[in-house]
Protein backbone atom coordinates (compact mmCIF):
# COMPACT_ATOMS: atom_id res chain seq x y z
CA MET A 1 111.76 60.92 1.30
CA PRO A 2 108.16 60.16 2.35
CA GLU A 3 106.49 62.25 4.98
CA VAL A 4 106.75 61.10 8.59
CA LEU A 5 103.41 60.26 10.17
CA GLY A 6 102.74 62.83 12.89
CA ASN A 7 105.22 65.31 14.26
CA PRO A 8 108.35 63.80 15.82
CA PRO A 9 109.37 65.53 19.08
CA SER A 10 113.02 65.82 18.07
CA PRO A 11 115.07 65.34 14.91
CA ARG A 12 117.15 62.84 16.95
CA THR A 13 114.17 60.45 17.26
CA ALA A 14 114.73 56.94 15.79
CA LEU A 15 112.58 56.39 12.71
CA PHE A 16 111.20 53.13 11.33
CA TRP A 17 109.80 52.45 7.86
CA ASN A 18 106.42 50.74 7.97
CA GLY A 19 106.34 50.00 4.24
CA THR A 20 104.42 53.12 3.43
CA ALA A 21 105.76 55.91 5.59
CA TRP A 22 108.27 56.67 8.30
CA GLN A 23 107.24 56.77 11.96
CA TRP A 24 109.17 57.27 15.15
CA ALA A 25 109.83 54.70 17.83
CA LEU A 26 107.60 54.47 20.89
CA VAL A 27 109.07 54.73 24.37
CA ASP A 28 107.58 54.47 27.84
CA ALA A 29 107.74 57.12 30.58
CA ALA A 30 111.21 55.91 31.55
CA GLY A 31 112.46 56.27 28.00
CA ASN A 32 112.61 52.53 27.29
CA LEU A 33 112.02 51.49 23.70
CA GLN A 34 108.68 49.69 23.21
CA ILE A 35 108.35 47.15 20.40
CA ASP A 36 105.19 45.06 19.91
CA VAL A 37 105.69 41.67 18.23
CA VAL A 38 102.68 41.00 16.02
CA ALA A 39 103.98 37.76 14.52
CA SER A 40 106.35 35.23 16.13
CA GLY A 41 109.90 35.34 14.95
CA LEU A 42 110.53 31.77 16.13
CA PRO A 43 111.26 29.13 13.50
CA VAL A 44 108.83 26.26 12.97
CA GLY A 45 109.16 23.71 15.78
CA ALA A 46 110.61 26.15 18.27
CA ALA A 47 109.66 25.65 21.94
CA THR A 48 106.61 27.73 22.80
CA ALA A 49 105.07 28.18 26.22
CA ALA A 50 102.31 25.70 25.31
CA ALA A 51 104.84 23.12 24.12
CA GLN A 52 106.87 23.54 27.29
CA ALA A 53 103.76 23.14 29.45
CA LEU A 54 102.92 19.89 27.62
CA ALA A 55 106.48 18.61 28.07
CA LEU A 56 106.39 19.46 31.78
CA ALA A 57 103.12 17.56 32.20
CA GLN A 58 104.62 14.51 30.51
CA LEU A 59 107.74 14.72 32.68
CA GLN A 60 105.54 14.93 35.78
CA THR A 61 103.78 11.74 34.71
CA ILE A 62 107.14 10.01 34.28
CA ALA A 63 108.18 11.23 37.74
CA GLU A 64 105.01 9.81 39.29
CA ILE A 65 105.63 6.43 37.63
CA ARG A 66 109.21 6.51 38.90
CA ASP A 67 107.98 7.23 42.43
CA ALA A 68 105.89 4.07 42.20
CA LEU A 69 109.11 2.07 42.03
CA GLN A 70 110.46 1.17 45.42
CA SER A 71 113.94 1.18 43.95
CA VAL A 72 114.81 2.08 40.39
CA ALA A 73 117.88 -0.12 40.61
CA THR A 74 115.81 -3.26 41.23
CA ASP A 75 112.76 -2.20 39.20
CA ARG A 76 110.34 -3.42 41.89
CA LEU A 77 106.87 -2.01 41.31
CA ILE A 78 104.73 -1.20 44.33
CA VAL A 79 101.12 -2.20 43.68
CA ARG A 80 98.16 -1.02 45.75
CA GLY A 81 96.91 -3.84 47.97
CA GLU A 82 100.07 -5.91 47.70
CA ASP A 83 100.38 -5.85 51.51
CA GLN A 84 97.26 -8.02 51.56
CA LEU A 85 98.72 -10.69 49.29
CA PHE A 86 99.99 -14.01 50.60
CA SER A 87 103.75 -14.28 50.30
CA TYR A 88 106.65 -16.51 51.34
CA ALA A 89 110.06 -15.23 52.39
CA ASP A 90 111.57 -18.17 54.28
CA THR A 91 110.85 -21.20 56.45
CA LEU A 92 110.11 -20.46 60.10
CA LEU A 93 112.08 -22.75 62.42
CA CYS A 94 112.24 -21.44 65.97
CA ASP A 95 113.39 -23.50 68.96
CA ILE A 96 113.81 -22.01 72.45
CA ILE A 97 115.04 -23.88 75.54
CA ASP A 98 115.19 -22.06 78.87
CA ASP A 99 114.16 -22.15 82.52
CA ILE A 100 110.50 -21.60 83.33
CA SER A 101 109.60 -18.18 84.80
CA GLY A 102 108.64 -19.70 88.18
CA VAL A 103 106.06 -22.01 89.76
CA ASP A 104 103.26 -22.60 87.23
CA GLY A 105 105.25 -20.22 85.10
CA HIS A 106 105.78 -19.69 81.40
CA LEU A 107 108.35 -19.67 78.61
CA GLU A 108 108.32 -17.33 75.60
CA THR A 109 109.74 -17.42 72.10
CA PRO A 110 111.79 -14.54 70.66
CA VAL A 111 109.82 -11.61 69.25
CA VAL A 112 109.06 -11.35 65.55
CA PRO A 113 111.73 -9.03 64.07
CA ALA A 114 111.06 -5.87 62.07
CA ASN A 115 109.59 -6.17 58.55
CA GLN A 116 108.38 -9.75 59.07
CA VAL A 117 105.17 -11.65 59.72
CA TRP A 118 105.42 -15.15 61.16
CA VAL A 119 102.83 -17.71 60.12
CA VAL A 120 103.11 -20.41 62.77
CA THR A 121 101.55 -23.70 61.65
CA ASN A 122 102.76 -26.06 64.43
CA ILE A 123 103.79 -25.54 68.05
CA ARG A 124 105.41 -28.05 70.39
CA ALA A 125 105.72 -27.31 74.12
CA VAL A 126 107.30 -29.44 76.84
CA ASP A 127 108.50 -29.23 80.45
CA ALA A 128 111.52 -31.51 80.41
CA THR A 129 111.93 -31.55 84.20
CA THR A 130 108.55 -31.83 85.94
CA ALA A 131 105.17 -33.40 85.21
CA THR A 132 102.50 -30.84 84.29
CA THR A 133 98.72 -30.81 83.91
CA LEU A 134 98.02 -27.88 81.60
CA HIS A 135 99.82 -26.18 78.70
CA ASP A 136 98.21 -22.80 77.98
CA TYR A 137 99.11 -21.28 74.58
CA ARG A 138 99.03 -17.49 74.23
CA VAL A 139 100.14 -14.62 71.99
CA ASN A 140 102.06 -11.93 73.87
CA ARG A 141 101.71 -8.57 72.10
CA VAL A 142 103.50 -5.72 73.87
CA ALA A 143 101.72 -5.51 77.26
CA SER A 144 98.70 -7.69 76.38
CA VAL A 145 98.42 -11.48 76.37
CA TYR A 146 95.85 -13.32 74.24
CA PRO A 147 95.08 -17.01 75.02
CA PHE A 148 94.18 -19.05 71.94
CA ALA A 149 94.51 -22.74 72.96
CA GLU A 150 95.17 -25.09 75.86
CA GLU A 151 95.98 -28.75 76.36
CA ARG A 152 94.82 -30.39 79.59
CA ALA A 153 96.35 -33.78 80.39
CA ALA A 154 98.68 -35.55 82.78
CA PHE A 155 101.91 -34.67 80.98
CA ALA A 156 104.81 -36.61 82.43
CA ALA A 157 108.19 -34.88 82.46
CA ASP A 158 109.57 -34.47 78.93
CA ILE A 159 106.22 -35.36 77.30
CA PRO A 160 105.16 -32.56 74.92
CA SER A 161 101.84 -31.06 73.90
CA PHE A 162 101.12 -29.88 70.35
CA TYR A 163 99.09 -27.21 68.58
CA HIS A 164 98.50 -27.91 64.86
CA HIS A 165 96.79 -24.75 63.60
CA TRP A 166 97.86 -21.43 62.10
CA VAL A 167 98.79 -18.48 64.30
CA TRP A 168 99.76 -15.16 62.68
CA LEU A 169 102.35 -13.09 64.53
CA ASN A 170 103.13 -9.47 63.75
CA VAL A 171 106.30 -7.49 64.48
CA GLY A 172 107.00 -7.60 68.22
CA ASP A 173 104.66 -10.55 68.91
CA ARG A 174 105.80 -13.77 70.62
CA ILE A 175 104.32 -17.11 71.66
CA ARG A 176 103.97 -17.75 75.39
CA VAL A 177 103.19 -21.16 76.91
CA LEU A 178 102.20 -21.52 80.58
CA PHE A 179 103.07 -24.83 82.26
CA THR A 180 100.67 -25.54 85.15
CA GLY A 181 102.46 -27.78 87.61
CA GLY A 182 105.87 -26.61 86.57
CA LEU A 183 108.41 -25.65 89.23
CA ALA A 184 110.97 -22.88 89.43
CA GLY A 185 114.14 -23.89 87.62
CA ASP A 186 112.39 -26.39 85.28
CA THR A 187 113.86 -26.61 81.80
CA CYS A 188 111.13 -26.00 79.23
CA ARG A 189 111.12 -25.93 75.44
CA ILE A 190 108.94 -24.36 72.74
CA SER A 191 109.38 -25.18 69.05
CA LEU A 192 107.69 -23.28 66.22
CA VAL A 193 107.37 -24.42 62.60
CA GLY A 194 105.79 -22.41 59.81
CA HIS A 195 106.87 -19.80 57.32
CA ILE A 196 107.92 -16.16 57.23
CA MET A 197 106.28 -13.42 55.20
CA THR A 198 107.87 -10.09 54.36
CA LEU A 199 105.96 -7.13 55.79
CA GLU A 200 105.49 -4.42 53.13
CA THR A 201 105.81 -0.84 54.34
């Protein structure tokens, strides 16, 4: 039997053949066996730390692409800037008939619902009960009112005024028309025509 390299501390020490001589096993201070792996024992193609890191990076990319989909089930891709694109969801047809708010008062349309933009292209306003002299068109946004047009004329009862231009209304906005000369209890009417856009969030 070949000589053991060095002097083993006890005849009970585990010995290993290194191809030339015997040598005892190394242990740490706690007595745990220490084995250094010089060459990988994994078969060719086995998952290494580098291969796993590459796979994780690729999976992260896939996850980011998936997050770009608003819903995987409908495969709808969200594109940067799409909220600035012109779109069409439905025809806007709004008609409100109600009593005026008071003397020289106003009537308002319903508010634009959530997730919509109204593109109003034509407005018709009329006091069906009393002759008026001014129809003042405004956008009512929360607590602020923004005038954008007016029609001054001797409007007989039930004779309408018209506004044939585009007005963009956001969520919560409404059209208000003031009827100068109108009396409390007058029946007034506002009709909106245009189209509805879907508001991207």
